[in-house]
Amino acid sequence: MTKMIFVNLPVTDLPRARAFYEALGFINNAQFSDENSAAMVWSETINVMLLTHAKWRNFTNRPIPPASSSEVMLAVSCDNREAVDKMNEAAASNGGTADINPKQDFGFLYNRSLADPDGHVWEALWMDPAAFPSAG
């Protein structure tokens, strides 16, 4: 089996969260979605499972952090700089927050951070490995 990542996120409003992630370019996998969860596909190896708070509590009794805190920043690669900008614009237009951190442009690497409606932090990035400065 190919190694994959499945990110599970608690959300306060599942339809709103699903619409937000679809606006960013994620695709819903109906086979693994129901009234308490939405399986959102970014790529063949990256999936995000949006879970209502009630469903989340089936997996852990640890508290759900408030939207004003950050435990992780999840980064996804984009095809180009324009796609990074488009993802940030989609976040702002669909209930999220764009540019929660200053954007970074190193020439070979370009990224912008955003937050979903529940405060989960994402970083959209584009990188050109061929333009990476050589060590030394």
Protein backbone atom coordinates (compact mmCIF):
# COMPACT_ATOMS: atom_id res chain seq x y z
CA MET A 1 0.00 0.00 0.00
CA THR A 2 1.22 3.49 -0.81
CA LYS A 3 2.04 5.54 2.27
CA MET A 4 -0.66 8.13 2.82
CA ILE A 5 -1.59 10.79 5.34
CA PHE A 6 -5.06 11.21 6.83
CA VAL A 7 -5.49 14.41 8.80
CA ASN A 8 -8.50 14.44 11.15
CA LEU A 9 -9.93 17.84 12.12
CA PRO A 10 -12.79 18.65 14.50
CA VAL A 11 -15.23 21.19 13.03
CA THR A 12 -18.14 23.09 14.52
CA ASP A 13 -20.25 23.23 11.35
CA LEU A 14 -19.70 20.31 8.97
CA PRO A 15 -21.52 21.73 5.90
CA ARG A 16 -19.65 25.03 6.25
CA ALA A 17 -16.31 23.24 6.65
CA ARG A 18 -16.98 20.97 3.67
CA ALA A 19 -17.89 23.96 1.48
CA PHE A 20 -14.73 25.76 2.62
CA TYR A 21 -12.44 22.86 1.72
CA GLU A 22 -14.19 22.33 -1.61
CA ALA A 23 -13.57 26.02 -2.39
CA LEU A 24 -9.85 25.42 -1.74
CA GLY A 25 -9.80 22.57 -4.24
CA PHE A 26 -10.37 19.51 -2.04
CA ILE A 27 -12.80 16.91 -3.41
CA ASN A 28 -15.33 15.16 -1.19
CA ASN A 29 -15.15 11.36 -1.15
CA ALA A 30 -18.80 10.46 -0.55
CA GLN A 31 -17.90 6.82 0.14
CA PHE A 32 -16.34 7.84 3.47
CA SER A 33 -18.63 10.78 4.32
CA ASP A 34 -21.86 10.97 6.29
CA GLU A 35 -23.81 13.42 8.46
CA ASN A 36 -20.98 13.48 11.01
CA SER A 37 -17.91 13.45 8.78
CA ALA A 38 -16.63 14.50 5.38
CA ALA A 39 -13.66 12.83 3.71
CA MET A 40 -11.87 15.52 1.70
CA VAL A 41 -9.21 14.52 -0.83
CA TRP A 42 -6.28 16.79 -1.72
CA SER A 43 -4.27 14.21 -3.67
CA GLU A 44 -3.88 10.46 -4.03
CA THR A 45 -1.90 10.44 -0.78
CA ILE A 46 -3.32 13.35 1.26
CA ASN A 47 -6.79 13.23 2.81
CA VAL A 48 -8.50 15.38 5.40
CA MET A 49 -11.34 13.98 7.49
CA LEU A 50 -13.63 16.69 8.83
CA LEU A 51 -15.41 15.47 11.96
CA THR A 52 -18.21 16.99 13.99
CA HIS A 53 -17.25 17.50 17.61
CA ALA A 54 -19.48 14.55 18.62
CA LYS A 55 -17.75 12.26 16.11
CA TRP A 56 -14.31 13.58 17.14
CA ARG A 57 -15.02 12.57 20.74
CA ASN A 58 -15.33 8.93 19.58
CA PHE A 59 -11.59 9.01 18.89
CA THR A 60 -10.20 10.96 21.85
CA ASN A 61 -11.33 12.56 25.08
CA ARG A 62 -8.64 15.24 24.87
CA PRO A 63 -10.09 18.75 24.70
CA ILE A 64 -10.57 20.49 21.38
CA PRO A 65 -8.36 23.58 21.37
CA PRO A 66 -10.02 26.97 20.84
CA ALA A 67 -9.90 28.46 17.33
CA SER A 68 -7.50 31.13 18.63
CA SER A 69 -4.73 28.58 19.28
CA SER A 70 -2.40 26.68 16.94
CA GLU A 71 -1.15 23.19 17.55
CA VAL A 72 0.04 22.39 14.04
CA MET A 73 0.42 24.08 10.67
CA LEU A 74 -0.43 21.77 7.81
CA ALA A 75 1.37 22.55 4.55
CA VAL A 76 0.22 21.50 1.08
CA SER A 77 2.10 22.01 -2.14
CA CYS A 78 0.62 23.89 -5.07
CA ASP A 79 1.54 23.79 -8.75
CA ASN A 80 2.67 27.42 -8.95
CA ARG A 81 2.64 30.80 -7.20
CA GLU A 82 -0.72 31.67 -8.70
CA ALA A 83 -2.26 28.56 -7.15
CA VAL A 84 -0.88 29.62 -3.75
CA ASP A 85 -2.50 33.04 -4.16
CA LYS A 86 -5.75 31.50 -5.40
CA MET A 87 -5.97 29.21 -2.36
CA ASN A 88 -5.48 32.16 0.00
CA GLU A 89 -8.13 34.18 -1.85
CA ALA A 90 -10.53 31.23 -1.70
CA ALA A 91 -9.97 30.96 2.05
CA ALA A 92 -10.83 34.62 2.57
CA SER A 93 -13.91 34.38 0.34
CA ASN A 94 -15.30 31.25 2.01
CA GLY A 95 -15.29 31.90 5.74
CA GLY A 96 -11.60 31.44 6.48
CA THR A 97 -8.81 33.92 7.13
CA ALA A 98 -6.09 34.67 4.59
CA ASP A 99 -2.50 35.56 5.45
CA ILE A 100 -2.65 34.77 9.15
CA ASN A 101 1.15 34.90 9.02
CA PRO A 102 3.27 37.12 6.77
CA LYS A 103 3.71 35.63 3.30
CA GLN A 104 7.19 34.44 2.47
CA ASP A 105 8.88 34.79 -0.91
CA PHE A 106 12.40 33.42 -1.20
CA GLY A 107 12.34 33.15 -5.00
CA PHE A 108 12.65 29.36 -5.00
CA LEU A 109 9.96 29.06 -2.29
CA TYR A 110 6.71 31.00 -1.95
CA ASN A 111 4.11 30.41 0.75
CA ARG A 112 1.08 31.97 2.36
CA SER A 113 -0.76 30.83 5.48
CA LEU A 114 -4.49 30.67 6.02
CA ALA A 115 -6.95 29.45 8.60
CA ASP A 116 -10.17 27.54 8.03
CA PRO A 117 -13.41 28.65 9.74
CA ASP A 118 -12.47 26.59 12.82
CA GLY A 119 -9.00 28.13 13.09
CA HIS A 120 -7.01 25.17 11.70
CA VAL A 121 -3.85 26.61 10.15
CA TRP A 122 -2.75 25.69 6.62
CA GLU A 123 0.17 26.81 4.53
CA ALA A 124 -0.09 26.78 0.74
CA LEU A 125 3.36 26.61 -0.81
CA TRP A 126 5.12 26.41 -4.13
CA MET A 127 8.76 25.45 -4.45
CA ASP A 128 11.18 25.21 -7.37
CA PRO A 129 13.88 22.78 -6.20
CA ALA A 130 16.03 23.62 -9.25
CA ALA A 131 16.27 27.22 -8.05
CA PHE A 132 17.20 26.27 -4.48
CA PRO A 133 20.43 28.00 -3.46
CA SER A 134 23.35 25.61 -3.26
CA ALA A 135 24.94 24.99 0.13
CA GLY A 136 28.28 26.55 0.88
